[in-house]
C-alpha cells in the first residue's frame, strides 16, 4: 500500500504573516505542537515556511527578537516549490 501526503497532512493549517513577531511564532509552534508554519501574504499566498530548525539559528534570541521583528527574519527566503505528482 502506498502512503500519500493526504494521510499525514494537517487540514486545519496554522499560518503566520511576514510581519508576525518572532515570539508569536514560537508561541504558535508550542501551542499547536507543530514543527513548522507556512508564511502567507495578505492574499493568503504562500511566501515561505518557518521551521523549528530556522529557530535554532536564532538561538541567541531565546525570548524573540528585541525589536519584535518579523517571523521570517533569517528564515529561508527561497520561494516554496509546488509538489507535483509523479
C-alpha atoms as a PDB file:
ATOM      1  CA  UNK A   1       0.000   0.000   0.000  1.00  0.00           C
ATOM      2  CA  UNK A   2       1.401   3.386  -0.998  1.00  0.00           C
ATOM      3  CA  UNK A   3       1.073   6.196   1.532  1.00  0.00           C
ATOM      4  CA  UNK A   4       0.115   9.667   0.369  1.00  0.00           C
ATOM      5  CA  UNK A   5       0.650  13.157   1.748  1.00  0.00           C
ATOM      6  CA  UNK A   6      -3.079  13.380   2.373  1.00  0.00           C
ATOM      7  CA  UNK A   7      -2.785  10.646   5.004  1.00  0.00           C
ATOM      8  CA  UNK A   8      -0.431  12.721   7.186  1.00  0.00           C
ATOM      9  CA  UNK A   9      -1.102  16.347   6.268  1.00  0.00           C
ATOM     10  CA  UNK A  10      -2.785  18.875   8.517  1.00  0.00           C
ATOM     11  CA  UNK A  11      -6.082  20.188   7.167  1.00  0.00           C
ATOM     12  CA  UNK A  12      -6.558  22.970   9.760  1.00  0.00           C
ATOM     13  CA  UNK A  13      -3.436  24.935   8.813  1.00  0.00           C
ATOM     14  CA  UNK A  14      -1.972  27.459  11.262  1.00  0.00           C
ATOM     15  CA  UNK A  15      -0.175  30.247   9.378  1.00  0.00           C
ATOM     16  CA  UNK A  16       1.994  33.255  10.081  1.00  0.00           C
ATOM     17  CA  UNK A  17       2.460  36.533   8.206  1.00  0.00           C
ATOM     18  CA  UNK A  18       5.861  38.004   7.284  1.00  0.00           C
ATOM     19  CA  UNK A  19       5.215  40.653   9.967  1.00  0.00           C
ATOM     20  CA  UNK A  20       4.435  38.120  12.748  1.00  0.00           C
ATOM     21  CA  UNK A  21       6.686  38.852  15.751  1.00  0.00           C
ATOM     22  CA  UNK A  22       9.251  36.159  16.471  1.00  0.00           C
ATOM     23  CA  UNK A  23       7.879  35.438  19.969  1.00  0.00           C
ATOM     24  CA  UNK A  24       4.386  34.883  18.496  1.00  0.00           C
ATOM     25  CA  UNK A  25       5.798  32.355  16.042  1.00  0.00           C
ATOM     26  CA  UNK A  26       7.378  30.420  18.916  1.00  0.00           C
ATOM     27  CA  UNK A  27       4.077  30.523  20.828  1.00  0.00           C
ATOM     28  CA  UNK A  28       2.130  29.168  17.836  1.00  0.00           C
ATOM     29  CA  UNK A  29       4.568  26.293  17.336  1.00  0.00           C
ATOM     30  CA  UNK A  30       4.390  25.345  21.013  1.00  0.00           C
ATOM     31  CA  UNK A  31       0.623  25.817  21.390  1.00  0.00           C
ATOM     32  CA  UNK A  32      -0.261  23.708  18.356  1.00  0.00           C
ATOM     33  CA  UNK A  33       2.508  21.103  18.806  1.00  0.00           C
ATOM     34  CA  UNK A  34       3.813  21.667  15.290  1.00  0.00           C
ATOM     35  CA  UNK A  35       7.351  21.980  13.955  1.00  0.00           C
ATOM     36  CA  UNK A  36       6.813  24.419  11.084  1.00  0.00           C
ATOM     37  CA  UNK A  37       4.426  27.107   9.864  1.00  0.00           C
ATOM     38  CA  UNK A  38       3.645  28.332   6.367  1.00  0.00           C
ATOM     39  CA  UNK A  39       4.077  32.095   5.991  1.00  0.00           C
ATOM     40  CA  UNK A  40       1.409  33.750   3.832  1.00  0.00           C
ATOM     41  CA  UNK A  41       0.947  37.259   2.455  1.00  0.00           C
ATOM     42  CA  UNK A  42      -2.201  39.386   2.782  1.00  0.00           C
ATOM     43  CA  UNK A  43      -3.907  37.483  -0.033  1.00  0.00           C
ATOM     44  CA  UNK A  44      -3.156  34.098   1.571  1.00  0.00           C
ATOM     45  CA  UNK A  45      -0.424  33.261  -0.961  1.00  0.00           C
ATOM     46  CA  UNK A  46       2.386  31.107   0.403  1.00  0.00           C
ATOM     47  CA  UNK A  47       5.603  33.137   0.610  1.00  0.00           C
ATOM     48  CA  UNK A  48       7.734  30.837   2.776  1.00  0.00           C
ATOM     49  CA  UNK A  49       7.945  28.356   5.605  1.00  0.00           C
ATOM     50  CA  UNK A  50       9.494  28.801   9.054  1.00  0.00           C
ATOM     51  CA  UNK A  51      10.512  25.689  10.985  1.00  0.00           C
ATOM     52  CA  UNK A  52      11.972  24.804  14.359  1.00  0.00           C
ATOM     53  CA  UNK A  53      15.301  24.377  12.561  1.00  0.00           C
ATOM     54  CA  UNK A  54      15.083  28.030  11.481  1.00  0.00           C
ATOM     55  CA  UNK A  55      14.537  28.961  15.130  1.00  0.00           C
ATOM     56  CA  UNK A  56      17.782  27.262  16.148  1.00  0.00           C
ATOM     57  CA  UNK A  57      19.615  29.817  14.021  1.00  0.00           C
ATOM     58  CA  UNK A  58      18.121  32.482  16.280  1.00  0.00           C
ATOM     59  CA  UNK A  59      19.249  30.712  19.468  1.00  0.00           C
ATOM     60  CA  UNK A  60      20.769  33.976  20.665  1.00  0.00           C
ATOM     61  CA  UNK A  61      17.224  35.372  20.966  1.00  0.00           C
ATOM     62  CA  UNK A  62      15.568  32.981  23.456  1.00  0.00           C
ATOM     63  CA  UNK A  63      12.664  35.387  24.064  1.00  0.00           C
ATOM     64  CA  UNK A  64      12.209  36.617  20.498  1.00  0.00           C
ATOM     65  CA  UNK A  65      13.911  39.450  18.710  1.00  0.00           C
ATOM     66  CA  UNK A  66      14.496  42.568  20.752  1.00  0.00           C
ATOM     67  CA  UNK A  67      12.598  44.660  18.235  1.00  0.00           C
ATOM     68  CA  UNK A  68       9.690  42.238  17.750  1.00  0.00           C
ATOM     69  CA  UNK A  69      10.906  41.741  14.187  1.00  0.00           C
ATOM     70  CA  UNK A  70       9.211  39.653  11.536  1.00  0.00           C
ATOM     71  CA  UNK A  71       8.817  35.915  11.874  1.00  0.00           C
ATOM     72  CA  UNK A  72      10.734  35.291   8.686  1.00  0.00           C
ATOM     73  CA  UNK A  73      13.863  37.217   9.686  1.00  0.00           C
ATOM     74  CA  UNK A  74      16.739  34.874   8.959  1.00  0.00           C
ATOM     75  CA  UNK A  75      14.437  32.150   7.676  1.00  0.00           C
ATOM     76  CA  UNK A  76      14.565  30.610   4.251  1.00  0.00           C
ATOM     77  CA  UNK A  77      13.793  33.171   1.565  1.00  0.00           C
ATOM     78  CA  UNK A  78      13.553  30.784  -1.368  1.00  0.00           C
ATOM     79  CA  UNK A  79      10.036  30.561  -2.802  1.00  0.00           C
ATOM     80  CA  UNK A  80       8.298  27.291  -1.993  1.00  0.00           C
ATOM     81  CA  UNK A  81       8.394  24.620  -4.677  1.00  0.00           C
ATOM     82  CA  UNK A  82       4.996  23.130  -5.504  1.00  0.00           C
ATOM     83  CA  UNK A  83       4.555  19.393  -5.064  1.00  0.00           C
ATOM     84  CA  UNK A  84       3.988  17.585  -8.313  1.00  0.00           C
ATOM     85  CA  UNK A  85       2.567  14.087  -8.750  1.00  0.00           C
ATOM     86  CA  UNK A  86       4.893  11.551 -10.302  1.00  0.00           C
END
